[in-house]
Amino acid sequence: DARGAILAGANLERSRLSGIVAQKADFSDAIL
């Protein structure tokens, strides 16, 4: 559960997020 979480500019390269609930989360400029 990452609803509304702020991950701006975060490094999520090769991360596993299948099935995650992240409505309205901020992944702006993140590396995925």
ModelCIF file with pLDDT and N, C-alpha, C, O atoms, coordinates in Angstrom:
data_MODEL
#
_entry.id   MODEL 
#
_entity.id                         1 
_entity.type                       polymer 
_entity.pdbx_number_of_molecules   1 
#
_entity_poly.entity_id                      1 
_entity_poly.type                           'polypeptide(L)' 
_entity_poly.nstd_linkage                   no 
_entity_poly.nstd_monomer                   no 
_entity_poly.pdbx_seq_one_letter_code       DARGAILAGANLERSRLSGIVAQKADFSDAIL 
_entity_poly.pdbx_seq_one_letter_code_can   DARGAILAGANLERSRLSGIVAQKADFSDAIL 
_entity_poly.pdbx_strand_id                 A 
#
loop_
_entity_poly_seq.entity_id 
_entity_poly_seq.num 
_entity_poly_seq.mon_id 
_entity_poly_seq.hetero 
1 1  ASP n 
1 2  ALA n 
1 3  ARG n 
1 4  GLY n 
1 5  ALA n 
1 6  ILE n 
1 7  LEU n 
1 8  ALA n 
1 9  GLY n 
1 10 ALA n 
1 11 ASN n 
1 12 LEU n 
1 13 GLU n 
1 14 ARG n 
1 15 SER n 
1 16 ARG n 
1 17 LEU n 
1 18 SER n 
1 19 GLY n 
1 20 ILE n 
1 21 VAL n 
1 22 ALA n 
1 23 GLN n 
1 24 LYS n 
1 25 ALA n 
1 26 ASP n 
1 27 PHE n 
1 28 SER n 
1 29 ASP n 
1 30 ALA n 
1 31 ILE n 
1 32 LEU n 
#
_struct_asym.id          A 
_struct_asym.entity_id   1 
#
loop_
_ma_qa_metric.id 
_ma_qa_metric.mode 
_ma_qa_metric.name 
_ma_qa_metric.software_group_id 
_ma_qa_metric.type 
1 global pLDDT . pLDDT 
2 local  pLDDT . pLDDT 
#
_ma_qa_metric_global.metric_id      1 
_ma_qa_metric_global.metric_value   94.53 
_ma_qa_metric_global.model_id       1 
_ma_qa_metric_global.ordinal_id     1 
#
loop_
_ma_qa_metric_local.label_asym_id 
_ma_qa_metric_local.label_comp_id 
_ma_qa_metric_local.label_seq_id 
_ma_qa_metric_local.metric_id 
_ma_qa_metric_local.metric_value 
_ma_qa_metric_local.model_id 
_ma_qa_metric_local.ordinal_id 
A ASP 1  2 86.00 1 1  
A ALA 2  2 91.00 1 2  
A ARG 3  2 93.00 1 3  
A GLY 4  2 94.00 1 4  
A ALA 5  2 95.00 1 5  
A ILE 6  2 96.00 1 6  
A LEU 7  2 96.00 1 7  
A ALA 8  2 94.00 1 8  
A GLY 9  2 93.00 1 9  
A ALA 10 2 95.00 1 10 
A ASN 11 2 96.00 1 11 
A LEU 12 2 96.00 1 12 
A GLU 13 2 96.00 1 13 
A ARG 14 2 96.00 1 14 
A SER 15 2 96.00 1 15 
A ARG 16 2 95.00 1 16 
A LEU 17 2 94.00 1 17 
A SER 18 2 93.00 1 18 
A GLY 19 2 92.00 1 19 
A ILE 20 2 93.00 1 20 
A VAL 21 2 93.00 1 21 
A ALA 22 2 94.00 1 22 
A GLN 23 2 95.00 1 23 
A LYS 24 2 96.00 1 24 
A ALA 25 2 96.00 1 25 
A ASP 26 2 97.00 1 26 
A PHE 27 2 97.00 1 27 
A SER 28 2 95.00 1 28 
A ASP 29 2 94.00 1 29 
A ALA 30 2 96.00 1 30 
A ILE 31 2 95.00 1 31 
A LEU 32 2 97.00 1 32 
#
loop_
_atom_site.group_PDB 
_atom_site.id 
_atom_site.type_symbol 
_atom_site.label_atom_id 
_atom_site.label_alt_id 
_atom_site.label_comp_id 
_atom_site.label_asym_id 
_atom_site.label_entity_id 
_atom_site.label_seq_id 
_atom_site.pdbx_PDB_ins_code 
_atom_site.Cartn_x 
_atom_site.Cartn_y 
_atom_site.Cartn_z 
_atom_site.occupancy 
_atom_site.B_iso_or_equiv 
_atom_site.pdbx_formal_charge 
_atom_site.auth_seq_id 
_atom_site.auth_comp_id 
_atom_site.auth_asym_id 
_atom_site.auth_atom_id 
_atom_site.pdbx_PDB_model_num 
ATOM 1   N N  . ASP A 1 1  ? 0.841  -1.193 0.000   1.00 86.00 ? 1  ASP A N  1 
ATOM 2   C CA . ASP A 1 1  ? 0.000  0.000  0.000   1.00 86.00 ? 1  ASP A CA 1 
ATOM 3   C C  . ASP A 1 1  ? 0.876  1.243  0.000   1.00 86.00 ? 1  ASP A C  1 
ATOM 4   O O  . ASP A 1 1  ? 1.568  1.528  0.978   1.00 86.00 ? 1  ASP A O  1 
ATOM 5   N N  . ALA A 1 2  ? 0.841  1.980  -1.104  1.00 91.00 ? 2  ALA A N  1 
ATOM 6   C CA . ALA A 1 2  ? 1.615  3.218  -1.214  1.00 91.00 ? 2  ALA A CA 1 
ATOM 7   C C  . ALA A 1 2  ? 0.713  4.362  -1.664  1.00 91.00 ? 2  ALA A C  1 
ATOM 8   O O  . ALA A 1 2  ? 1.162  5.283  -2.346  1.00 91.00 ? 2  ALA A O  1 
ATOM 9   N N  . ARG A 1 3  ? -0.545 4.299  -1.283  1.00 93.00 ? 3  ARG A N  1 
ATOM 10  C CA . ARG A 1 3  ? -1.484 5.359  -1.666  1.00 93.00 ? 3  ARG A CA 1 
ATOM 11  C C  . ARG A 1 3  ? -1.023 6.708  -1.132  1.00 93.00 ? 3  ARG A C  1 
ATOM 12  O O  . ARG A 1 3  ? -0.781 6.871  0.064   1.00 93.00 ? 3  ARG A O  1 
ATOM 13  N N  . GLY A 1 4  ? -0.905 7.671  -2.041  1.00 94.00 ? 4  GLY A N  1 
ATOM 14  C CA . GLY A 1 4  ? -0.522 9.018  -1.646  1.00 94.00 ? 4  GLY A CA 1 
ATOM 15  C C  . GLY A 1 4  ? 0.930  9.165  -1.238  1.00 94.00 ? 4  GLY A C  1 
ATOM 16  O O  . GLY A 1 4  ? 1.334  10.233 -0.779  1.00 94.00 ? 4  GLY A O  1 
ATOM 17  N N  . ALA A 1 5  ? 1.727  8.112  -1.396  1.00 95.00 ? 5  ALA A N  1 
ATOM 18  C CA . ALA A 1 5  ? 3.144  8.195  -1.019  1.00 95.00 ? 5  ALA A CA 1 
ATOM 19  C C  . ALA A 1 5  ? 3.906  9.102  -1.975  1.00 95.00 ? 5  ALA A C  1 
ATOM 20  O O  . ALA A 1 5  ? 3.534  9.244  -3.140  1.00 95.00 ? 5  ALA A O  1 
ATOM 21  N N  . ILE A 1 6  ? 4.966  9.709  -1.479  1.00 96.00 ? 6  ILE A N  1 
ATOM 22  C CA . ILE A 1 6  ? 5.801  10.598 -2.290  1.00 96.00 ? 6  ILE A CA 1 
ATOM 23  C C  . ILE A 1 6  ? 7.117  9.882  -2.590  1.00 96.00 ? 6  ILE A C  1 
ATOM 24  O O  . ILE A 1 6  ? 7.925  9.646  -1.692  1.00 96.00 ? 6  ILE A O  1 
ATOM 25  N N  . LEU A 1 7  ? 7.319  9.540  -3.862  1.00 96.00 ? 7  LEU A N  1 
ATOM 26  C CA . LEU A 1 7  ? 8.531  8.855  -4.292  1.00 96.00 ? 7  LEU A CA 1 
ATOM 27  C C  . LEU A 1 7  ? 9.223  9.644  -5.400  1.00 96.00 ? 7  LEU A C  1 
ATOM 28  O O  . LEU A 1 7  ? 9.875  9.072  -6.274  1.00 96.00 ? 7  LEU A O  1 
ATOM 29  N N  . ALA A 1 8  ? 9.072  10.960 -5.350  1.00 94.00 ? 8  ALA A N  1 
ATOM 30  C CA . ALA A 1 8  ? 9.662  11.826 -6.376  1.00 94.00 ? 8  ALA A CA 1 
ATOM 31  C C  . ALA A 1 8  ? 11.176 11.647 -6.414  1.00 94.00 ? 8  ALA A C  1 
ATOM 32  O O  . ALA A 1 8  ? 11.852 11.771 -5.393  1.00 94.00 ? 8  ALA A O  1 
ATOM 33  N N  . GLY A 1 9  ? 11.697 11.355 -7.600  1.00 93.00 ? 9  GLY A N  1 
ATOM 34  C CA . GLY A 1 9  ? 13.143 11.209 -7.757  1.00 93.00 ? 9  GLY A CA 1 
ATOM 35  C C  . GLY A 1 9  ? 13.726 9.962  -7.133  1.00 93.00 ? 9  GLY A C  1 
ATOM 36  O O  . GLY A 1 9  ? 14.947 9.814  -7.088  1.00 93.00 ? 9  GLY A O  1 
ATOM 37  N N  . ALA A 1 10 ? 12.884 9.056  -6.646  1.00 95.00 ? 10 ALA A N  1 
ATOM 38  C CA . ALA A 1 10 ? 13.384 7.836  -6.010  1.00 95.00 ? 10 ALA A CA 1 
ATOM 39  C C  . ALA A 1 10 ? 13.928 6.871  -7.057  1.00 95.00 ? 10 ALA A C  1 
ATOM 40  O O  . ALA A 1 10 ? 13.498 6.875  -8.210  1.00 95.00 ? 10 ALA A O  1 
ATOM 41  N N  . ASN A 1 11 ? 14.875 6.052  -6.636  1.00 96.00 ? 11 ASN A N  1 
ATOM 42  C CA . ASN A 1 11 ? 15.430 5.021  -7.514  1.00 96.00 ? 11 ASN A CA 1 
ATOM 43  C C  . ASN A 1 11 ? 14.728 3.701  -7.224  1.00 96.00 ? 11 ASN A C  1 
ATOM 44  O O  . ASN A 1 11 ? 14.951 3.085  -6.183  1.00 96.00 ? 11 ASN A O  1 
ATOM 45  N N  . LEU A 1 12 ? 13.876 3.272  -8.157  1.00 96.00 ? 12 LEU A N  1 
ATOM 46  C CA . LEU A 1 12 ? 13.139 2.020  -8.022  1.00 96.00 ? 12 LEU A CA 1 
ATOM 47  C C  . LEU A 1 12 ? 13.514 1.055  -9.145  1.00 96.00 ? 12 LEU A C  1 
ATOM 48  O O  . LEU A 1 12 ? 12.722 0.195  -9.532  1.00 96.00 ? 12 LEU A O  1 
ATOM 49  N N  . GLU A 1 13 ? 14.718 1.212  -9.655  1.00 96.00 ? 13 GLU A N  1 
ATOM 50  C CA . GLU A 1 13 ? 15.163 0.359  -10.752 1.00 96.00 ? 13 GLU A CA 1 
ATOM 51  C C  . GLU A 1 13 ? 15.108 -1.115 -10.339 1.00 96.00 ? 13 GLU A C  1 
ATOM 52  O O  . GLU A 1 13 ? 15.610 -1.504 -9.285  1.00 96.00 ? 13 GLU A O  1 
ATOM 53  N N  . ARG A 1 14 ? 14.482 -1.918 -11.200 1.00 96.00 ? 14 ARG A N  1 
ATOM 54  C CA . ARG A 1 14 ? 14.362 -3.369 -11.009 1.00 96.00 ? 14 ARG A CA 1 
ATOM 55  C C  . ARG A 1 14 ? 13.632 -3.745 -9.727  1.00 96.00 ? 14 ARG A C  1 
ATOM 56  O O  . ARG A 1 14 ? 13.769 -4.863 -9.231  1.00 96.00 ? 14 ARG A O  1 
ATOM 57  N N  . SER A 1 15 ? 12.860 -2.811 -9.198  1.00 96.00 ? 15 SER A N  1 
ATOM 58  C CA . SER A 1 15 ? 12.069 -3.125 -8.003  1.00 96.00 ? 15 SER A CA 1 
ATOM 59  C C  . SER A 1 15 ? 10.832 -3.925 -8.402  1.00 96.00 ? 15 SER A C  1 
ATOM 60  O O  . SER A 1 15 ? 10.421 -3.923 -9.562  1.00 96.00 ? 15 SER A O  1 
ATOM 61  N N  . ARG A 1 16 ? 10.249 -4.605 -7.423  1.00 95.00 ? 16 ARG A N  1 
ATOM 62  C CA . ARG A 1 16 ? 9.083  -5.453 -7.672  1.00 95.00 ? 16 ARG A CA 1 
ATOM 63  C C  . ARG A 1 16 ? 7.865  -4.825 -6.997  1.00 95.00 ? 16 ARG A C  1 
ATOM 64  O O  . ARG A 1 16 ? 7.753  -4.808 -5.771  1.00 95.00 ? 16 ARG A O  1 
ATOM 65  N N  . LEU A 1 17 ? 6.962  -4.313 -7.821  1.00 94.00 ? 17 LEU A N  1 
ATOM 66  C CA . LEU A 1 17 ? 5.787  -3.617 -7.311  1.00 94.00 ? 17 LEU A CA 1 
ATOM 67  C C  . LEU A 1 17 ? 4.496  -4.215 -7.855  1.00 94.00 ? 17 LEU A C  1 
ATOM 68  O O  . LEU A 1 17 ? 3.452  -3.564 -7.812  1.00 94.00 ? 17 LEU A O  1 
ATOM 69  N N  . SER A 1 18 ? 4.548  -5.426 -8.358  1.00 93.00 ? 18 SER A N  1 
ATOM 70  C CA . SER A 1 18 ? 3.349  -6.048 -8.921  1.00 93.00 ? 18 SER A CA 1 
ATOM 71  C C  . SER A 1 18 ? 2.245  -6.126 -7.871  1.00 93.00 ? 18 SER A C  1 
ATOM 72  O O  . SER A 1 18 ? 2.463  -6.554 -6.738  1.00 93.00 ? 18 SER A O  1 
ATOM 73  N N  . GLY A 1 19 ? 1.057  -5.700 -8.284  1.00 92.00 ? 19 GLY A N  1 
ATOM 74  C CA . GLY A 1 19 ? -0.100 -5.734 -7.400  1.00 92.00 ? 19 GLY A CA 1 
ATOM 75  C C  . GLY A 1 19 ? -0.170 -4.622 -6.382  1.00 92.00 ? 19 GLY A C  1 
ATOM 76  O O  . GLY A 1 19 ? -1.118 -4.574 -5.598  1.00 92.00 ? 19 GLY A O  1 
ATOM 77  N N  . ILE A 1 20 ? 0.802  -3.724 -6.365  1.00 93.00 ? 20 ILE A N  1 
ATOM 78  C CA . ILE A 1 20 ? 0.805  -2.644 -5.384  1.00 93.00 ? 20 ILE A CA 1 
ATOM 79  C C  . ILE A 1 20 ? -0.377 -1.705 -5.596  1.00 93.00 ? 20 ILE A C  1 
ATOM 80  O O  . ILE A 1 20 ? -0.809 -1.484 -6.727  1.00 93.00 ? 20 ILE A O  1 
ATOM 81  N N  . VAL A 1 21 ? -0.891 -1.161 -4.516  1.00 93.00 ? 21 VAL A N  1 
ATOM 82  C CA . VAL A 1 21 ? -1.941 -0.142 -4.576  1.00 93.00 ? 21 VAL A CA 1 
ATOM 83  C C  . VAL A 1 21 ? -1.263 1.197  -4.305  1.00 93.00 ? 21 VAL A C  1 
ATOM 84  O O  . VAL A 1 21 ? -0.819 1.459  -3.187  1.00 93.00 ? 21 VAL A O  1 
ATOM 85  N N  . ALA A 1 22 ? -1.185 2.033  -5.321  1.00 94.00 ? 22 ALA A N  1 
ATOM 86  C CA . ALA A 1 22 ? -0.447 3.298  -5.189  1.00 94.00 ? 22 ALA A CA 1 
ATOM 87  C C  . ALA A 1 22 ? -1.236 4.453  -5.790  1.00 94.00 ? 22 ALA A C  1 
ATOM 88  O O  . ALA A 1 22 ? -0.657 5.325  -6.436  1.00 94.00 ? 22 ALA A O  1 
ATOM 89  N N  . GLN A 1 23 ? -2.527 4.469  -5.588  1.00 95.00 ? 23 GLN A N  1 
ATOM 90  C CA . GLN A 1 23 ? -3.359 5.541  -6.116  1.00 95.00 ? 23 GLN A CA 1 
ATOM 91  C C  . GLN A 1 23 ? -2.869 6.910  -5.636  1.00 95.00 ? 23 GLN A C  1 
ATOM 92  O O  . GLN A 1 23 ? -2.578 7.109  -4.457  1.00 95.00 ? 23 GLN A O  1 
ATOM 93  N N  . LYS A 1 24 ? -2.787 7.836  -6.576  1.00 96.00 ? 24 LYS A N  1 
ATOM 94  C CA . LYS A 1 24 ? -2.416 9.226  -6.305  1.00 96.00 ? 24 LYS A CA 1 
ATOM 95  C C  . LYS A 1 24 ? -1.009 9.369  -5.710  1.00 96.00 ? 24 LYS A C  1 
ATOM 96  O O  . LYS A 1 24 ? -0.690 10.406 -5.129  1.00 96.00 ? 24 LYS A O  1 
ATOM 97  N N  . ALA A 1 25 ? -0.181 8.354  -5.849  1.00 96.00 ? 25 ALA A N  1 
ATOM 98  C CA . ALA A 1 25 ? 1.209  8.458  -5.378  1.00 96.00 ? 25 ALA A CA 1 
ATOM 99  C C  . ALA A 1 25 ? 2.002  9.335  -6.343  1.00 96.00 ? 25 ALA A C  1 
ATOM 100 O O  . ALA A 1 25 ? 1.627  9.496  -7.505  1.00 96.00 ? 25 ALA A O  1 
ATOM 101 N N  . ASP A 1 26 ? 3.092  9.894  -5.851  1.00 97.00 ? 26 ASP A N  1 
ATOM 102 C CA . ASP A 1 26 ? 3.935  10.783 -6.651  1.00 97.00 ? 26 ASP A CA 1 
ATOM 103 C C  . ASP A 1 26 ? 5.241  10.066 -7.010  1.00 97.00 ? 26 ASP A C  1 
ATOM 104 O O  . ASP A 1 26 ? 6.127  9.910  -6.170  1.00 97.00 ? 26 ASP A O  1 
ATOM 105 N N  . PHE A 1 27 ? 5.346  9.633  -8.272  1.00 97.00 ? 27 PHE A N  1 
ATOM 106 C CA . PHE A 1 27 ? 6.558  9.011  -8.791  1.00 97.00 ? 27 PHE A CA 1 
ATOM 107 C C  . PHE A 1 27 ? 7.254  9.945  -9.786  1.00 97.00 ? 27 PHE A C  1 
ATOM 108 O O  . PHE A 1 27 ? 8.013  9.479  -10.636 1.00 97.00 ? 27 PHE A O  1 
ATOM 109 N N  . SER A 1 28 ? 7.011  11.227 -9.694  1.00 95.00 ? 28 SER A N  1 
ATOM 110 C CA . SER A 1 28 ? 7.590  12.161 -10.661 1.00 95.00 ? 28 SER A CA 1 
ATOM 111 C C  . SER A 1 28 ? 9.115  12.064 -10.653 1.00 95.00 ? 28 SER A C  1 
ATOM 112 O O  . SER A 1 28 ? 9.749  12.083 -9.598  1.00 95.00 ? 28 SER A O  1 
ATOM 113 N N  . ASP A 1 29 ? 9.684  11.960 -11.849 1.00 94.00 ? 29 ASP A N  1 
ATOM 114 C CA . ASP A 1 29 ? 11.147 11.893 -12.036 1.00 94.00 ? 29 ASP A CA 1 
ATOM 115 C C  . ASP A 1 29 ? 11.785 10.677 -11.368 1.00 94.00 ? 29 ASP A C  1 
ATOM 116 O O  . ASP A 1 29 ? 13.008 10.619 -11.240 1.00 94.00 ? 29 ASP A O  1 
ATOM 117 N N  . ALA A 1 30 ? 10.987 9.717  -10.948 1.00 96.00 ? 30 ALA A N  1 
ATOM 118 C CA . ALA A 1 30 ? 11.542 8.503  -10.350 1.00 96.00 ? 30 ALA A CA 1 
ATOM 119 C C  . ALA A 1 30 ? 12.134 7.606  -11.431 1.00 96.00 ? 30 ALA A C  1 
ATOM 120 O O  . ALA A 1 30 ? 11.744 7.675  -12.596 1.00 96.00 ? 30 ALA A O  1 
ATOM 121 N N  . ILE A 1 31 ? 13.078 6.768  -11.029 1.00 95.00 ? 31 ILE A N  1 
ATOM 122 C CA . ILE A 1 31 ? 13.688 5.801  -11.944 1.00 95.00 ? 31 ILE A CA 1 
ATOM 123 C C  . ILE A 1 31 ? 13.050 4.443  -11.675 1.00 95.00 ? 31 ILE A C  1 
ATOM 124 O O  . ILE A 1 31 ? 13.225 3.861  -10.604 1.00 95.00 ? 31 ILE A O  1 
ATOM 125 N N  . LEU A 1 32 ? 12.307 3.948  -12.665 1.00 97.00 ? 32 LEU A N  1 
ATOM 126 C CA . LEU A 1 32 ? 11.619 2.666  -12.545 1.00 97.00 ? 32 LEU A CA 1 
ATOM 127 C C  . LEU A 1 32 ? 12.021 1.738  -13.688 1.00 97.00 ? 32 LEU A C  1 
ATOM 128 O O  . LEU A 1 32 ? 11.544 0.605  -13.760 1.00 97.00 ? 32 LEU A O  1 
#
